[in-house]
Amino acid sequence: MPGPIRRVGRSSVLLSAGVSPARVAERLGHDVKTLLATYAHVIWKDEDRVRSIVDDSLGGSAEDFLRIGTV
């Protein structure tokens, strides 16, 4: 597999696993702004997982929490 493909794949795996964008950027030699401009689509694909984590930690729906300020 060519280097650029491995680099994108590795970055995507790290971001999807929840590794801090700052750490991933550091490993790639990017600043965070460049990393997010390039790989933001990977983070947005995790919306269902993020919603589930937030819901579990709040003990209810994140949407309800944001709408009324408490669960």
Protein backbone atom coordinates (compact mmCIF):
# COMPACT_ATOMS: atom_id res chain seq x y z
CA MET A 1 0.00 0.00 0.00
CA PRO A 2 1.46 3.39 -0.96
CA GLY A 3 2.56 5.73 1.82
CA PRO A 4 -0.16 8.40 1.38
CA ILE A 5 -2.90 5.76 1.56
CA ARG A 6 -1.42 4.28 4.75
CA ARG A 7 -1.14 7.78 6.19
CA VAL A 8 -4.82 8.57 5.51
CA GLY A 9 -5.90 5.17 6.79
CA ARG A 10 -3.86 5.45 9.96
CA SER A 11 -5.14 8.96 10.61
CA SER A 12 -8.74 7.90 10.05
CA VAL A 13 -8.38 4.93 12.41
CA LEU A 14 -6.85 7.08 15.15
CA LEU A 15 -9.49 9.79 14.87
CA SER A 16 -12.34 7.25 14.76
CA ALA A 17 -10.91 5.58 17.86
CA GLY A 18 -11.18 8.87 19.71
CA VAL A 19 -7.52 9.84 19.76
CA SER A 20 -7.14 13.57 20.31
CA PRO A 21 -6.85 15.52 17.04
CA ALA A 22 -3.86 17.30 18.60
CA ARG A 23 -2.03 13.97 19.01
CA VAL A 24 -2.90 12.80 15.49
CA ALA A 25 -1.77 16.16 14.05
CA GLU A 26 1.49 15.90 15.95
CA ARG A 27 2.17 12.44 14.52
CA LEU A 28 1.45 13.65 10.99
CA GLY A 29 3.47 16.84 11.33
CA HIS A 30 0.35 18.97 10.84
CA ASP A 31 -1.13 21.68 12.96
CA VAL A 32 -4.63 20.91 14.26
CA LYS A 33 -6.24 23.33 11.79
CA THR A 34 -4.72 21.47 8.82
CA LEU A 35 -5.62 18.08 10.27
CA LEU A 36 -9.25 19.06 10.82
CA ALA A 37 -9.53 20.66 7.38
CA THR A 38 -8.24 17.43 5.84
CA TYR A 39 -9.87 14.77 8.03
CA ALA A 40 -13.02 16.40 9.45
CA HIS A 41 -15.17 14.02 7.40
CA VAL A 42 -13.82 11.13 9.47
CA ILE A 43 -14.87 12.78 12.72
CA TRP A 44 -18.37 13.61 11.44
CA LYS A 45 -18.92 9.98 10.43
CA ASP A 46 -18.74 9.09 14.12
CA GLU A 47 -21.84 11.12 15.02
CA ASP A 48 -23.90 8.07 16.07
CA ARG A 49 -21.11 6.84 18.35
CA VAL A 50 -20.66 10.29 19.86
CA ARG A 51 -24.40 10.65 20.43
CA SER A 52 -24.50 7.28 22.16
CA ILE A 53 -21.59 8.18 24.46
CA VAL A 54 -23.18 11.50 25.37
CA ASP A 55 -26.57 9.88 25.95
CA ASP A 56 -24.99 7.23 28.20
CA SER A 57 -23.04 9.77 30.22
CA LEU A 58 -26.08 12.06 30.69
CA GLY A 59 -28.47 9.23 31.48
CA GLY A 60 -30.81 10.46 28.75
CA SER A 61 -30.98 12.02 25.33
CA ALA A 62 -28.38 14.64 24.43
CA GLU A 63 -31.07 16.43 22.42
CA ASP A 64 -33.31 16.61 25.51
CA PHE A 65 -30.40 17.89 27.58
CA LEU A 66 -29.63 20.64 25.10
CA ARG A 67 -33.30 21.58 24.73
CA ILE A 68 -34.13 21.92 28.43
CA GLY A 69 -30.69 22.24 30.05
CA THR A 70 -31.12 19.18 32.27
CA VAL A 71 -32.13 15.59 31.92
